[in-house]
Amino acid sequence: MNLLTHLGIKTEQVTAEKVILSLQVNETHQQPYGVMHGGVSAVLIETACSIGGNANLQHAHAVGIDLSVNHLKSIATGPVTVVAIPDRIGRTIQVWQATLYNDQQEKLAVGRCTLAVVTH
């Protein structure tokens, strides 16, 4: 079982220009104070960015080398969606940004992920 399956993260859309993932937040994803753990936001953001980065590559793969996440609003349970788009698709480095939303389209977190392009 991989992390995405374990957490229940679903892939909604993947293109070279946009990735959308979703998650139904429940008690599995909560920290001790009853809201979604910030690490779950980080997983969603880095995963969406990495999937997008790899959608731009054929004979290489992208791996995260830096991640920055700002938590804006908490959520205890319910659906969340992350949308990732690229800022720069370079030959050796990619930079992506992602926003995590609740079902009212309120921003829960924003993040930026830098990916290194590794050739096989």
N, C-alpha and C. Protein backbone atom coordinates (compact mmCIF):
# COMPACT_ATOMS: atom_id res chain seq x y z
N MET A 1 0.84 -1.17 0.00
CA MET A 1 0.00 0.00 0.00
C MET A 1 0.90 1.24 0.00
N ASN A 2 0.57 2.20 -0.84
CA ASN A 2 1.34 3.44 -0.84
C ASN A 2 0.63 4.51 0.00
N LEU A 3 1.30 5.63 0.19
CA LEU A 3 0.77 6.69 1.04
C LEU A 3 -0.55 7.25 0.52
N LEU A 4 -0.67 7.43 -0.80
CA LEU A 4 -1.90 7.99 -1.36
C LEU A 4 -3.09 7.08 -1.10
N THR A 5 -2.89 5.79 -1.27
CA THR A 5 -3.96 4.83 -1.00
C THR A 5 -4.29 4.82 0.49
N HIS A 6 -3.26 4.82 1.33
CA HIS A 6 -3.46 4.79 2.78
C HIS A 6 -4.26 6.00 3.27
N LEU A 7 -3.96 7.19 2.73
CA LEU A 7 -4.65 8.40 3.16
C LEU A 7 -5.98 8.62 2.45
N GLY A 8 -6.20 7.93 1.32
CA GLY A 8 -7.44 8.09 0.57
C GLY A 8 -7.41 9.25 -0.41
N ILE A 9 -6.23 9.62 -0.89
CA ILE A 9 -6.09 10.72 -1.84
C ILE A 9 -6.47 10.22 -3.23
N LYS A 10 -7.32 10.98 -3.91
CA LYS A 10 -7.80 10.61 -5.24
C LYS A 10 -7.28 11.60 -6.28
N THR A 11 -6.93 11.08 -7.45
CA THR A 11 -6.49 11.90 -8.57
C THR A 11 -7.70 12.29 -9.39
N GLU A 12 -7.93 13.59 -9.54
CA GLU A 12 -9.08 14.09 -10.30
C GLU A 12 -8.68 14.53 -11.71
N GLN A 13 -7.51 15.14 -11.86
CA GLN A 13 -7.05 15.63 -13.17
C GLN A 13 -5.53 15.70 -13.18
N VAL A 14 -4.94 15.27 -14.28
CA VAL A 14 -3.49 15.38 -14.46
C VAL A 14 -3.21 15.83 -15.88
N THR A 15 -2.59 17.00 -16.01
CA THR A 15 -2.04 17.45 -17.28
C THR A 15 -0.67 18.03 -16.97
N ALA A 16 0.06 18.41 -17.99
CA ALA A 16 1.37 19.03 -17.80
C ALA A 16 1.24 20.43 -17.22
N GLU A 17 0.04 21.00 -17.26
CA GLU A 17 -0.19 22.37 -16.77
C GLU A 17 -1.03 22.46 -15.51
N LYS A 18 -1.66 21.36 -15.09
CA LYS A 18 -2.52 21.42 -13.90
C LYS A 18 -2.75 20.02 -13.35
N VAL A 19 -2.71 19.94 -12.02
CA VAL A 19 -3.04 18.70 -11.33
C VAL A 19 -4.06 19.02 -10.25
N ILE A 20 -5.09 18.18 -10.16
CA ILE A 20 -6.11 18.33 -9.11
C ILE A 20 -6.23 16.99 -8.38
N LEU A 21 -6.08 17.04 -7.06
CA LEU A 21 -6.26 15.88 -6.19
C LEU A 21 -7.35 16.20 -5.18
N SER A 22 -7.98 15.17 -4.64
CA SER A 22 -9.01 15.39 -3.62
C SER A 22 -8.84 14.40 -2.47
N LEU A 23 -9.42 14.77 -1.35
CA LEU A 23 -9.36 13.96 -0.14
C LEU A 23 -10.59 14.24 0.70
N GLN A 24 -11.17 13.21 1.25
CA GLN A 24 -12.26 13.36 2.22
C GLN A 24 -11.62 13.30 3.60
N VAL A 25 -11.49 14.45 4.26
CA VAL A 25 -10.83 14.53 5.56
C VAL A 25 -11.72 13.90 6.63
N ASN A 26 -11.11 13.02 7.44
CA ASN A 26 -11.82 12.39 8.55
C ASN A 26 -10.87 12.29 9.74
N GLU A 27 -11.25 11.56 10.76
CA GLU A 27 -10.42 11.48 11.97
C GLU A 27 -9.04 10.90 11.72
N THR A 28 -8.88 10.11 10.68
CA THR A 28 -7.57 9.56 10.32
C THR A 28 -6.56 10.67 10.04
N HIS A 29 -7.02 11.79 9.52
CA HIS A 29 -6.16 12.88 9.08
C HIS A 29 -5.98 13.97 10.13
N GLN A 30 -6.60 13.81 11.28
CA GLN A 30 -6.59 14.86 12.30
C GLN A 30 -5.38 14.77 13.24
N GLN A 31 -4.95 15.93 13.70
CA GLN A 31 -3.95 15.99 14.77
C GLN A 31 -4.70 15.95 16.10
N PRO A 32 -4.00 15.95 17.24
CA PRO A 32 -4.68 15.77 18.54
C PRO A 32 -5.75 16.81 18.88
N TYR A 33 -5.76 17.96 18.20
CA TYR A 33 -6.73 19.01 18.52
C TYR A 33 -7.97 18.96 17.64
N GLY A 34 -8.11 17.90 16.83
CA GLY A 34 -9.34 17.68 16.09
C GLY A 34 -9.44 18.33 14.71
N VAL A 35 -8.34 18.87 14.21
CA VAL A 35 -8.34 19.43 12.86
C VAL A 35 -7.30 18.69 12.01
N MET A 36 -7.41 18.85 10.69
CA MET A 36 -6.49 18.16 9.78
C MET A 36 -5.04 18.52 10.10
N HIS A 37 -4.21 17.53 10.18
CA HIS A 37 -2.79 17.70 10.46
C HIS A 37 -2.13 18.46 9.31
N GLY A 38 -1.26 19.40 9.63
CA GLY A 38 -0.56 20.17 8.61
C GLY A 38 0.27 19.31 7.68
N GLY A 39 0.72 18.17 8.16
CA GLY A 39 1.48 17.26 7.31
C GLY A 39 0.65 16.71 6.17
N VAL A 40 -0.65 16.58 6.38
CA VAL A 40 -1.55 16.12 5.32
C VAL A 40 -1.62 17.18 4.22
N SER A 41 -1.70 18.45 4.61
CA SER A 41 -1.66 19.53 3.62
C SER A 41 -0.36 19.46 2.82
N ALA A 42 0.75 19.25 3.51
CA ALA A 42 2.05 19.17 2.84
C ALA A 42 2.10 17.99 1.87
N VAL A 43 1.57 16.85 2.29
CA VAL A 43 1.54 15.67 1.41
C VAL A 43 0.71 15.98 0.16
N LEU A 44 -0.46 16.58 0.34
CA LEU A 44 -1.31 16.91 -0.81
C LEU A 44 -0.60 17.87 -1.76
N ILE A 45 0.02 18.90 -1.22
CA ILE A 45 0.68 19.91 -2.05
C ILE A 45 1.88 19.31 -2.78
N GLU A 46 2.77 18.63 -2.06
CA GLU A 46 3.95 18.08 -2.74
C GLU A 46 3.57 16.99 -3.73
N THR A 47 2.58 16.19 -3.41
CA THR A 47 2.16 15.13 -4.32
C THR A 47 1.60 15.72 -5.61
N ALA A 48 0.72 16.71 -5.50
CA ALA A 48 0.16 17.33 -6.70
C ALA A 48 1.25 17.95 -7.56
N CYS A 49 2.18 18.66 -6.93
CA CYS A 49 3.27 19.28 -7.68
C CYS A 49 4.16 18.23 -8.34
N SER A 50 4.47 17.17 -7.62
CA SER A 50 5.33 16.12 -8.18
C SER A 50 4.67 15.38 -9.33
N ILE A 51 3.39 15.11 -9.21
CA ILE A 51 2.67 14.46 -10.31
C ILE A 51 2.70 15.35 -11.54
N GLY A 52 2.46 16.65 -11.34
CA GLY A 52 2.53 17.60 -12.46
C GLY A 52 3.92 17.68 -13.06
N GLY A 53 4.91 17.73 -12.21
CA GLY A 53 6.28 17.77 -12.70
C GLY A 53 6.62 16.56 -13.55
N ASN A 54 6.21 15.40 -13.11
CA ASN A 54 6.48 14.18 -13.87
C ASN A 54 5.65 14.08 -15.14
N ALA A 55 4.52 14.76 -15.19
CA ALA A 55 3.71 14.77 -16.41
C ALA A 55 4.42 15.53 -17.54
N ASN A 56 5.43 16.31 -17.19
CA ASN A 56 6.21 17.06 -18.18
C ASN A 56 7.46 16.32 -18.64
N LEU A 57 7.69 15.13 -18.14
CA LEU A 57 8.94 14.42 -18.42
C LEU A 57 8.68 13.07 -19.07
N GLN A 58 9.63 12.65 -19.91
CA GLN A 58 9.52 11.34 -20.54
C GLN A 58 10.67 10.41 -20.13
N HIS A 59 11.89 10.89 -20.18
CA HIS A 59 13.05 10.05 -19.89
C HIS A 59 13.78 10.51 -18.64
N ALA A 60 13.04 11.01 -17.70
CA ALA A 60 13.57 11.49 -16.42
C ALA A 60 12.42 11.47 -15.43
N HIS A 61 12.73 11.81 -14.19
CA HIS A 61 11.67 11.95 -13.19
C HIS A 61 11.98 13.15 -12.30
N ALA A 62 10.92 13.71 -11.73
CA ALA A 62 11.04 14.88 -10.88
C ALA A 62 10.90 14.45 -9.42
N VAL A 63 11.78 15.00 -8.57
CA VAL A 63 11.72 14.71 -7.14
C VAL A 63 11.75 16.03 -6.37
N GLY A 64 11.00 16.09 -5.29
CA GLY A 64 10.94 17.30 -4.48
C GLY A 64 12.26 17.57 -3.77
N ILE A 65 12.72 18.83 -3.84
CA ILE A 65 13.93 19.23 -3.11
C ILE A 65 13.66 20.38 -2.15
N ASP A 66 12.50 21.02 -2.28
CA ASP A 66 12.13 22.07 -1.34
C ASP A 66 10.62 22.19 -1.32
N LEU A 67 10.07 22.40 -0.12
CA LEU A 67 8.63 22.54 0.03
C LEU A 67 8.36 23.61 1.08
N SER A 68 7.48 24.53 0.73
CA SER A 68 7.06 25.57 1.66
C SER A 68 5.53 25.57 1.70
N VAL A 69 4.97 25.52 2.90
CA VAL A 69 3.52 25.48 3.05
C VAL A 69 3.09 26.53 4.07
N ASN A 70 2.07 27.31 3.71
CA ASN A 70 1.44 28.24 4.64
C ASN A 70 0.03 27.74 4.91
N HIS A 71 -0.29 27.51 6.17
CA HIS A 71 -1.62 27.05 6.57
C HIS A 71 -2.47 28.29 6.86
N LEU A 72 -3.60 28.41 6.18
CA LEU A 72 -4.43 29.60 6.26
C LEU A 72 -5.71 29.42 7.06
N LYS A 73 -6.28 28.23 7.00
CA LYS A 73 -7.57 27.97 7.66
C LYS A 73 -7.63 26.48 7.97
N SER A 74 -8.21 26.13 9.11
CA SER A 74 -8.28 24.71 9.48
C SER A 74 -9.57 24.08 8.97
N ILE A 75 -9.55 22.75 8.97
CA ILE A 75 -10.72 21.95 8.64
C ILE A 75 -10.66 20.69 9.51
N ALA A 76 -11.82 20.28 10.04
CA ALA A 76 -11.88 19.08 10.86
C ALA A 76 -12.25 17.87 10.03
N THR A 77 -13.32 17.99 9.23
CA THR A 77 -13.75 16.91 8.35
C THR A 77 -14.34 17.53 7.10
N GLY A 78 -14.44 16.71 6.07
CA GLY A 78 -15.06 17.16 4.83
C GLY A 78 -14.11 17.10 3.66
N PRO A 79 -14.62 17.42 2.48
CA PRO A 79 -13.80 17.31 1.27
C PRO A 79 -12.81 18.47 1.12
N VAL A 80 -11.63 18.15 0.65
CA VAL A 80 -10.64 19.16 0.27
C VAL A 80 -10.12 18.83 -1.12
N THR A 81 -9.69 19.87 -1.81
CA THR A 81 -9.14 19.74 -3.16
C THR A 81 -7.86 20.55 -3.24
N VAL A 82 -6.84 20.01 -3.86
CA VAL A 82 -5.61 20.75 -4.10
C VAL A 82 -5.44 20.92 -5.61
N VAL A 83 -5.07 22.13 -6.01
CA VAL A 83 -4.84 22.46 -7.42
C VAL A 83 -3.40 22.95 -7.54
N ALA A 84 -2.61 22.28 -8.38
CA ALA A 84 -1.21 22.65 -8.58
C ALA A 84 -0.99 23.10 -10.02
N ILE A 85 -0.23 24.18 -10.18
CA ILE A 85 0.13 24.70 -11.50
C ILE A 85 1.61 25.07 -11.50
N PRO A 86 2.27 24.98 -12.65
CA PRO A 86 3.70 25.28 -12.68
C PRO A 86 3.97 26.78 -12.77
N ASP A 87 5.04 27.21 -12.11
CA ASP A 87 5.58 28.55 -12.31
C ASP A 87 6.69 28.50 -13.35
N ARG A 88 7.46 27.41 -13.35
CA ARG A 88 8.57 27.26 -14.29
C ARG A 88 8.85 25.78 -14.51
N ILE A 89 8.90 25.40 -15.77
CA ILE A 89 9.28 24.04 -16.15
C ILE A 89 10.64 24.16 -16.84
N GLY A 90 11.69 23.91 -16.10
CA GLY A 90 13.04 24.00 -16.66
C GLY A 90 13.61 22.63 -16.99
N ARG A 91 14.78 22.64 -17.55
CA ARG A 91 15.44 21.39 -17.94
C ARG A 91 15.90 20.60 -16.71
N THR A 92 16.34 21.31 -15.65
CA THR A 92 16.85 20.62 -14.46
C THR A 92 16.06 20.93 -13.20
N ILE A 93 15.30 22.01 -13.21
CA ILE A 93 14.51 22.42 -12.04
C ILE A 93 13.11 22.83 -12.48
N GLN A 94 12.12 22.43 -11.70
CA GLN A 94 10.76 22.89 -11.91
C GLN A 94 10.28 23.53 -10.60
N VAL A 95 9.47 24.58 -10.73
CA VAL A 95 8.85 25.21 -9.56
C VAL A 95 7.35 25.22 -9.78
N TRP A 96 6.63 24.70 -8.80
CA TRP A 96 5.18 24.59 -8.87
C TRP A 96 4.57 25.29 -7.66
N GLN A 97 3.34 25.76 -7.81
CA GLN A 97 2.58 26.29 -6.69
C GLN A 97 1.27 25.53 -6.59
N ALA A 98 0.76 25.43 -5.37
CA ALA A 98 -0.49 24.68 -5.17
C ALA A 98 -1.33 25.37 -4.09
N THR A 99 -2.64 25.23 -4.25
CA THR A 99 -3.59 25.78 -3.29
C THR A 99 -4.56 24.69 -2.87
N LEU A 100 -4.78 24.59 -1.57
CA LEU A 100 -5.69 23.62 -0.99
C LEU A 100 -6.99 24.34 -0.61
N TYR A 101 -8.13 23.80 -1.08
CA TYR A 101 -9.44 24.43 -0.88
C TYR A 101 -10.38 23.49 -0.13
N ASN A 102 -11.34 24.08 0.61
CA ASN A 102 -12.44 23.30 1.15
C ASN A 102 -13.58 23.31 0.13
N ASP A 103 -14.73 22.74 0.49
CA ASP A 103 -15.83 22.65 -0.48
C ASP A 103 -16.55 23.97 -0.74
N GLN A 104 -16.22 25.02 0.04
CA GLN A 104 -16.74 26.37 -0.25
C GLN A 104 -15.73 27.21 -1.03
N GLN A 105 -14.70 26.56 -1.52
CA GLN A 105 -13.62 27.21 -2.27
C GLN A 105 -12.84 28.22 -1.43
N GLU A 106 -12.84 28.02 -0.11
CA GLU A 106 -12.00 28.83 0.77
C GLU A 106 -10.60 28.22 0.78
N LYS A 107 -9.58 29.08 0.77
CA LYS A 107 -8.20 28.58 0.80
C LYS A 107 -7.86 28.08 2.20
N LEU A 108 -7.38 26.85 2.26
CA LEU A 108 -6.94 26.26 3.52
C LEU A 108 -5.43 26.36 3.67
N ALA A 109 -4.72 26.23 2.55
CA ALA A 109 -3.25 26.29 2.57
C ALA A 109 -2.75 26.62 1.17
N VAL A 110 -1.59 27.22 1.13
CA VAL A 110 -0.90 27.47 -0.13
C VAL A 110 0.52 26.95 0.01
N GLY A 111 1.09 26.52 -1.10
CA GLY A 111 2.44 25.99 -1.03
C GLY A 111 3.19 26.16 -2.33
N ARG A 112 4.50 26.04 -2.21
CA ARG A 112 5.39 26.09 -3.36
C ARG A 112 6.36 24.92 -3.23
N CYS A 113 6.57 24.23 -4.33
CA CYS A 113 7.43 23.05 -4.33
C CYS A 113 8.45 23.18 -5.46
N THR A 114 9.71 22.99 -5.12
CA THR A 114 10.77 22.96 -6.12
C THR A 114 11.12 21.50 -6.37
N LEU A 115 11.20 21.14 -7.63
CA LEU A 115 11.49 19.76 -8.04
C LEU A 115 12.79 19.73 -8.82
N ALA A 116 13.62 18.75 -8.56
CA ALA A 116 14.81 18.50 -9.36
C ALA A 116 14.48 17.46 -10.40
N VAL A 117 14.96 17.67 -11.62
CA VAL A 117 14.75 16.70 -12.70
C VAL A 117 15.96 15.77 -12.72
N VAL A 118 15.68 14.49 -12.53
CA VAL A 118 16.72 13.47 -12.45
C VAL A 118 16.62 12.57 -13.67
N THR A 119 17.72 12.44 -14.42
CA THR A 119 17.69 11.56 -15.59
C THR A 119 17.99 10.14 -15.15
N HIS A 120 17.43 9.22 -15.91
CA HIS A 120 17.56 7.78 -15.56
C HIS A 120 18.95 7.28 -15.87
